Amino acid sequence: MDQHIEVDWTSCKAHGLCAELLPEHITLDEWGYPLVDDKPLPTRTLKRARRAATDCPALALKLRAARRP
């Protein structure tokens, strides 16, 4: 099952750690908030994606299963 990154916008405080830990999937906007691509995470990056979610100071980053149409 494909995994995606999701941001809880009410919790996010624009610390930017997620972009440092997962730069190939997350960039920051001009205010430091994450811009996340909605592509499925490759298996090789799942461990770092989990770490980014765990290490987020605001716990605003989540991994979710792909939504079915």
PDB file of N, CA and C in Angstrom:
ATOM      1  N   MET A   1       0.850  -1.179   0.000  1.00  0.00           N
ATOM      2  CA  MET A   1       0.000   0.000   0.000  1.00  0.00           C
ATOM      3  C   MET A   1       0.898   1.245   0.000  1.00  0.00           C
ATOM      4  N   ASP A   2       0.586   2.165  -0.868  1.00  0.00           N
ATOM      5  CA  ASP A   2       1.374   3.393  -0.978  1.00  0.00           C
ATOM      6  C   ASP A   2       1.183   4.285   0.242  1.00  0.00           C
ATOM      7  N   GLN A   3       2.270   4.906   0.664  1.00  0.00           N
ATOM      8  CA  GLN A   3       2.252   5.852   1.778  1.00  0.00           C
ATOM      9  C   GLN A   3       2.477   7.264   1.239  1.00  0.00           C
ATOM     10  N   HIS A   4       1.810   8.228   1.840  1.00  0.00           N
ATOM     11  CA  HIS A   4       1.946   9.634   1.475  1.00  0.00           C
ATOM     12  C   HIS A   4       2.211  10.454   2.733  1.00  0.00           C
ATOM     13  N   ILE A   5       2.766  11.644   2.533  1.00  0.00           N
ATOM     14  CA  ILE A   5       3.003  12.569   3.638  1.00  0.00           C
ATOM     15  C   ILE A   5       1.821  13.520   3.721  1.00  0.00           C
ATOM     16  N   GLU A   6       1.383  13.790   4.930  1.00  0.00           N
ATOM     17  CA  GLU A   6       0.283  14.718   5.159  1.00  0.00           C
ATOM     18  C   GLU A   6       0.674  15.679   6.281  1.00  0.00           C
ATOM     19  N   VAL A   7       0.287  16.941   6.135  1.00  0.00           N
ATOM     20  CA  VAL A   7       0.597  17.954   7.145  1.00  0.00           C
ATOM     21  C   VAL A   7      -0.681  18.359   7.868  1.00  0.00           C
ATOM     22  N   ASP A   8      -0.639  18.374   9.171  1.00  0.00           N
ATOM     23  CA  ASP A   8      -1.736  18.908   9.988  1.00  0.00           C
ATOM     24  C   ASP A   8      -1.481  20.406  10.113  1.00  0.00           C
ATOM     25  N   TRP A   9      -2.172  21.182   9.296  1.00  0.00           N
ATOM     26  CA  TRP A   9      -1.903  22.615   9.197  1.00  0.00           C
ATOM     27  C   TRP A   9      -2.229  23.369  10.474  1.00  0.00           C
ATOM     28  N   THR A  10      -3.123  22.875  11.281  1.00  0.00           N
ATOM     29  CA  THR A  10      -3.427  23.566  12.533  1.00  0.00           C
ATOM     30  C   THR A  10      -2.317  23.382  13.564  1.00  0.00           C
ATOM     31  N   SER A  11      -1.509  22.314  13.408  1.00  0.00           N
ATOM     32  CA  SER A  11      -0.417  22.054  14.343  1.00  0.00           C
ATOM     33  C   SER A  11       0.923  22.604  13.864  1.00  0.00           C
ATOM     34  N   CYS A  12       1.109  22.713  12.552  1.00  0.00           N
ATOM     35  CA  CYS A  12       2.402  23.093  11.985  1.00  0.00           C
ATOM     36  C   CYS A  12       2.805  24.501  12.436  1.00  0.00           C
ATOM     37  N   LYS A  13       4.057  24.629  12.885  1.00  0.00           N
ATOM     38  CA  LYS A  13       4.603  25.910  13.336  1.00  0.00           C
ATOM     39  C   LYS A  13       5.785  26.371  12.492  1.00  0.00           C
ATOM     40  N   ALA A  14       5.970  25.755  11.320  1.00  0.00           N
ATOM     41  CA  ALA A  14       6.999  26.150  10.346  1.00  0.00           C
ATOM     42  C   ALA A  14       8.418  26.045  10.895  1.00  0.00           C
ATOM     43  N   HIS A  15       8.715  24.970  11.600  1.00  0.00           N
ATOM     44  CA  HIS A  15      10.076  24.755  12.087  1.00  0.00           C
ATOM     45  C   HIS A  15      11.026  24.381  10.951  1.00  0.00           C
ATOM     46  N   GLY A  16      10.516  23.667   9.938  1.00  0.00           N
ATOM     47  CA  GLY A  16      11.316  23.322   8.771  1.00  0.00           C
ATOM     48  C   GLY A  16      12.145  22.060   8.877  1.00  0.00           C
ATOM     49  N   LEU A  17      12.098  21.371  10.002  1.00  0.00           N
ATOM     50  CA  LEU A  17      12.884  20.156  10.166  1.00  0.00           C
ATOM     51  C   LEU A  17      12.486  19.089   9.151  1.00  0.00           C
ATOM     52  N   CYS A  18      11.232  19.014   8.803  1.00  0.00           N
ATOM     53  CA  CYS A  18      10.763  18.009   7.845  1.00  0.00           C
ATOM     54  C   CYS A  18      11.471  18.146   6.499  1.00  0.00           C
ATOM     55  N   ALA A  19      11.680  19.371   6.049  1.00  0.00           N
ATOM     56  CA  ALA A  19      12.357  19.601   4.771  1.00  0.00           C
ATOM     57  C   ALA A  19      13.832  19.230   4.847  1.00  0.00           C
ATOM     58  N   GLU A  20      14.423  19.366   6.011  1.00  0.00           N
ATOM     59  CA  GLU A  20      15.823  18.956   6.185  1.00  0.00           C
ATOM     60  C   GLU A  20      15.955  17.439   6.156  1.00  0.00           C
ATOM     61  N   LEU A  21      14.986  16.749   6.742  1.00  0.00           N
ATOM     62  CA  LEU A  21      15.048  15.295   6.822  1.00  0.00           C
ATOM     63  C   LEU A  21      14.565  14.598   5.557  1.00  0.00           C
ATOM     64  N   LEU A  22      13.721  15.248   4.779  1.00  0.00           N
ATOM     65  CA  LEU A  22      13.133  14.628   3.586  1.00  0.00           C
ATOM     66  C   LEU A  22      13.077  15.620   2.424  1.00  0.00           C
ATOM     67  N   PRO A  23      14.230  16.152   2.005  1.00  0.00           N
ATOM     68  CA  PRO A  23      14.242  17.227   1.005  1.00  0.00           C
ATOM     69  C   PRO A  23      13.723  16.833  -0.375  1.00  0.00           C
ATOM     70  N   GLU A  24      13.739  15.546  -0.708  1.00  0.00           N
ATOM     71  CA  GLU A  24      13.246  15.138  -2.016  1.00  0.00           C
ATOM     72  C   GLU A  24      11.727  15.126  -2.103  1.00  0.00           C
ATOM     73  N   HIS A  25      11.039  15.279  -0.966  1.00  0.00           N
ATOM     74  CA  HIS A  25       9.574  15.285  -0.960  1.00  0.00           C
ATOM     75  C   HIS A  25       8.974  16.542  -0.328  1.00  0.00           C
ATOM     76  N   ILE A  26       9.775  17.278   0.427  1.00  0.00           N
ATOM     77  CA  ILE A  26       9.255  18.455   1.129  1.00  0.00           C
ATOM     78  C   ILE A  26      10.182  19.641   0.888  1.00  0.00           C
ATOM     79  N   THR A  27       9.594  20.746   0.443  1.00  0.00           N
ATOM     80  CA  THR A  27      10.312  22.016   0.357  1.00  0.00           C
ATOM     81  C   THR A  27       9.572  22.995   1.253  1.00  0.00           C
ATOM     82  N   LEU A  28      10.142  24.161   1.451  1.00  0.00           N
ATOM     83  CA  LEU A  28       9.509  25.162   2.311  1.00  0.00           C
ATOM     84  C   LEU A  28       9.066  26.363   1.485  1.00  0.00           C
ATOM     85  N   ASP A  29       7.942  26.947   1.856  1.00  0.00           N
ATOM     86  CA  ASP A  29       7.497  28.161   1.188  1.00  0.00           C
ATOM     87  C   ASP A  29       8.252  29.357   1.787  1.00  0.00           C
ATOM     88  N   GLU A  30       7.915  30.540   1.357  1.00  0.00           N
ATOM     89  CA  GLU A  30       8.647  31.729   1.799  1.00  0.00           C
ATOM     90  C   GLU A  30       8.502  32.018   3.292  1.00  0.00           C
ATOM     91  N   TRP A  31       7.514  31.434   3.954  1.00  0.00           N
ATOM     92  CA  TRP A  31       7.308  31.628   5.392  1.00  0.00           C
ATOM     93  C   TRP A  31       7.831  30.457   6.215  1.00  0.00           C
ATOM     94  N   GLY A  32       8.390  29.454   5.540  1.00  0.00           N
ATOM     95  CA  GLY A  32       8.946  28.299   6.229  1.00  0.00           C
ATOM     96  C   GLY A  32       7.985  27.135   6.411  1.00  0.00           C
ATOM     97  N   TYR A  33       6.790  27.225   5.832  1.00  0.00           N
ATOM     98  CA  TYR A  33       5.827  26.122   5.919  1.00  0.00           C
ATOM     99  C   TYR A  33       6.107  25.090   4.829  1.00  0.00           C
ATOM    100  N   PRO A  34       5.854  23.826   5.113  1.00  0.00           N
ATOM    101  CA  PRO A  34       6.188  22.770   4.156  1.00  0.00           C
ATOM    102  C   PRO A  34       5.270  22.735   2.946  1.00  0.00           C
ATOM    103  N   LEU A  35       5.883  22.486   1.807  1.00  0.00           N
ATOM    104  CA  LEU A  35       5.176  22.200   0.563  1.00  0.00           C
ATOM    105  C   LEU A  35       5.480  20.741   0.260  1.00  0.00           C
ATOM    106  N   VAL A  36       4.452  19.911   0.310  1.00  0.00           N
ATOM    107  CA  VAL A  36       4.622  18.468   0.191  1.00  0.00           C
ATOM    108  C   VAL A  36       4.091  18.008  -1.150  1.00  0.00           C
ATOM    109  N   ASP A  37       4.902  17.201  -1.858  1.00  0.00           N
ATOM    110  CA  ASP A  37       4.362  16.613  -3.084  1.00  0.00           C
ATOM    111  C   ASP A  37       3.437  15.470  -2.682  1.00  0.00           C
ATOM    112  N   ASP A  38       2.486  15.166  -3.513  1.00  0.00           N
ATOM    113  CA  ASP A  38       1.509  14.131  -3.163  1.00  0.00           C
ATOM    114  C   ASP A  38       1.851  12.791  -3.808  1.00  0.00           C
ATOM    115  N   LYS A  39       3.098  12.649  -4.210  1.00  0.00           N
ATOM    116  CA  LYS A  39       3.530  11.385  -4.806  1.00  0.00           C
ATOM    117  C   LYS A  39       3.681  10.328  -3.711  1.00  0.00           C
ATOM    118  N   PRO A  40       3.446   9.076  -4.071  1.00  0.00           N
ATOM    119  CA  PRO A  40       3.684   8.005  -3.088  1.00  0.00           C
ATOM    120  C   PRO A  40       5.159   7.980  -2.693  1.00  0.00           C
ATOM    121  N   LEU A  41       5.419   7.667  -1.443  1.00  0.00           N
ATOM    122  CA  LEU A  41       6.793   7.578  -0.963  1.00  0.00           C
ATOM    123  C   LEU A  41       7.421   6.270  -1.423  1.00  0.00           C
ATOM    124  N   PRO A  42       8.598   6.339  -2.039  1.00  0.00           N
ATOM    125  CA  PRO A  42       9.281   5.092  -2.395  1.00  0.00           C
ATOM    126  C   PRO A  42       9.673   4.334  -1.129  1.00  0.00           C
ATOM    127  N   THR A  43       9.735   3.043  -1.236  1.00  0.00           N
ATOM    128  CA  THR A  43      10.084   2.195  -0.100  1.00  0.00           C
ATOM    129  C   THR A  43      11.398   2.628   0.529  1.00  0.00           C
ATOM    130  N   ARG A  44      12.346   3.069  -0.286  1.00  0.00           N
ATOM    131  CA  ARG A  44      13.668   3.434   0.224  1.00  0.00           C
ATOM    132  C   ARG A  44      13.643   4.678   1.111  1.00  0.00           C
ATOM    133  N   THR A  45      12.576   5.481   1.051  1.00  0.00           N
ATOM    134  CA  THR A  45      12.514   6.700   1.870  1.00  0.00           C
ATOM    135  C   THR A  45      11.544   6.589   3.042  1.00  0.00           C
ATOM    136  N   LEU A  46      10.868   5.470   3.190  1.00  0.00           N
ATOM    137  CA  LEU A  46       9.878   5.328   4.267  1.00  0.00           C
ATOM    138  C   LEU A  46      10.487   5.484   5.658  1.00  0.00           C
ATOM    139  N   LYS A  47      11.666   4.938   5.868  1.00  0.00           N
ATOM    140  CA  LYS A  47      12.294   5.046   7.186  1.00  0.00           C
ATOM    141  C   LYS A  47      12.567   6.510   7.532  1.00  0.00           C
ATOM    142  N   ARG A  48      13.093   7.289   6.576  1.00  0.00           N
ATOM    143  CA  ARG A  48      13.357   8.710   6.835  1.00  0.00           C
ATOM    144  C   ARG A  48      12.061   9.496   6.957  1.00  0.00           C
ATOM    145  N   ALA A  49      11.022   9.089   6.235  1.00  0.00           N
ATOM    146  CA  ALA A  49       9.725   9.764   6.352  1.00  0.00           C
ATOM    147  C   ALA A  49       9.131   9.541   7.742  1.00  0.00           C
ATOM    148  N   ARG A  50       9.262   8.336   8.252  1.00  0.00           N
ATOM    149  CA  ARG A  50       8.782   8.056   9.615  1.00  0.00           C
ATOM    150  C   ARG A  50       9.571   8.877  10.635  1.00  0.00           C
ATOM    151  N   ARG A  51      10.877   8.988  10.418  1.00  0.00           N
ATOM    152  CA  ARG A  51      11.700   9.790  11.329  1.00  0.00           C
ATOM    153  C   ARG A  51      11.281  11.259  11.266  1.00  0.00           C
ATOM    154  N   ALA A  52      11.019  11.775  10.077  1.00  0.00           N
ATOM    155  CA  ALA A  52      10.579  13.164   9.946  1.00  0.00           C
ATOM    156  C   ALA A  52       9.277  13.387  10.699  1.00  0.00           C
ATOM    157  N   ALA A  53       8.345  12.448  10.601  1.00  0.00           N
ATOM    158  CA  ALA A  53       7.068  12.569  11.310  1.00  0.00           C
ATOM    159  C   ALA A  53       7.272  12.505  12.823  1.00  0.00           C
ATOM    160  N   THR A  54       8.140  11.613  13.261  1.00  0.00           N
ATOM    161  CA  THR A  54       8.409  11.455  14.691  1.00  0.00           C
ATOM    162  C   THR A  54       9.162  12.643  15.266  1.00  0.00           C
ATOM    163  N   ASP A  55      10.102  13.190  14.496  1.00  0.00           N
ATOM    164  CA  ASP A  55      10.961  14.276  14.988  1.00  0.00           C
ATOM    165  C   ASP A  55      10.356  15.665  14.828  1.00  0.00           C
ATOM    166  N   CYS A  56       9.224  15.780  14.157  1.00  0.00           N
ATOM    167  CA  CYS A  56       8.582  17.087  13.981  1.00  0.00           C
ATOM    168  C   CYS A  56       8.272  17.682  15.362  1.00  0.00           C
ATOM    169  N   PRO A  57       8.803  18.873  15.672  1.00  0.00           N
ATOM    170  CA  PRO A  57       8.571  19.469  16.992  1.00  0.00           C
ATOM    171  C   PRO A  57       7.088  19.695  17.315  1.00  0.00           C
ATOM    172  N   ALA A  58       6.276  19.922  16.297  1.00  0.00           N
ATOM    173  CA  ALA A  58       4.848  20.159  16.517  1.00  0.00           C
ATOM    174  C   ALA A  58       4.003  18.907  16.257  1.00  0.00           C
ATOM    175  N   LEU A  59       4.663  17.800  15.894  1.00  0.00           N
ATOM    176  CA  LEU A  59       3.973  16.556  15.534  1.00  0.00           C
ATOM    177  C   LEU A  59       2.898  16.796  14.469  1.00  0.00           C
ATOM    178  N   ALA A  60       3.239  17.636  13.501  1.00  0.00           N
ATOM    179  CA  ALA A  60       2.286  18.019  12.462  1.00  0.00           C
ATOM    180  C   ALA A  60       2.413  17.186  11.193  1.00  0.00           C
ATOM    181  N   LEU A  61       3.408  16.339  11.120  1.00  0.00           N
ATOM    182  CA  LEU A  61       3.630  15.533   9.929  1.00  0.00           C
ATOM    183  C   LEU A  61       3.144  14.116  10.181  1.00  0.00           C
ATOM    184  N   LYS A  62       2.382  13.576   9.231  1.00  0.00           N
ATOM    185  CA  LYS A  62       1.831  12.235   9.366  1.00  0.00           C
ATOM    186  C   LYS A  62       2.064  11.462   8.071  1.00  0.00           C
ATOM    187  N   LEU A  63       2.156  10.167   8.194  1.00  0.00           N
ATOM    188  CA  LEU A  63       2.150   9.292   7.027  1.00  0.00           C
ATOM    189  C   LEU A  63       0.769   8.679   6.941  1.00  0.00           C
ATOM    190  N   ARG A  64       0.265   8.592   5.735  1.00  0.00           N
ATOM    191  CA  ARG A  64      -1.068   8.008   5.557  1.00  0.00           C
ATOM    192  C   ARG A  64      -1.055   7.070   4.357  1.00  0.00           C
ATOM    193  N   ALA A  65      -1.947   6.114   4.383  1.00  0.00           N
ATOM    194  CA  ALA A  65      -2.107   5.218   3.257  1.00  0.00           C
ATOM    195  C   ALA A  65      -2.786   5.972   2.131  1.00  0.00           C
ATOM    196  N   ALA A  66      -2.502   5.585   0.925  1.00  0.00           N
ATOM    197  CA  ALA A  66      -3.113   6.229  -0.246  1.00  0.00           C
ATOM    198  C   ALA A  66      -4.625   6.093  -0.190  1.00  0.00           C
ATOM    199  N   ARG A  67      -5.284   7.143  -0.545  1.00  0.00           N
ATOM    200  CA  ARG A  67      -6.757   7.115  -0.584  1.00  0.00           C
ATOM    201  C   ARG A  67      -7.215   6.488  -1.885  1.00  0.00           C
ATOM    202  N   ARG A  68      -8.177   5.650  -1.782  1.00  0.00           N
ATOM    203  CA  ARG A  68      -8.733   4.981  -2.968  1.00  0.00           C
ATOM    204  C   ARG A  68      -9.832   5.865  -3.559  1.00  0.00           C
ATOM    205  N   PRO A  69      -9.884   5.915  -4.907  1.00  0.00           N
ATOM    206  CA  PRO A  69     -10.947   6.734  -5.540  1.00  0.00           C
ATOM    207  C   PRO A  69     -12.315   6.140  -5.345  1.00  0.00           C
TER     208      PRO A  69
END
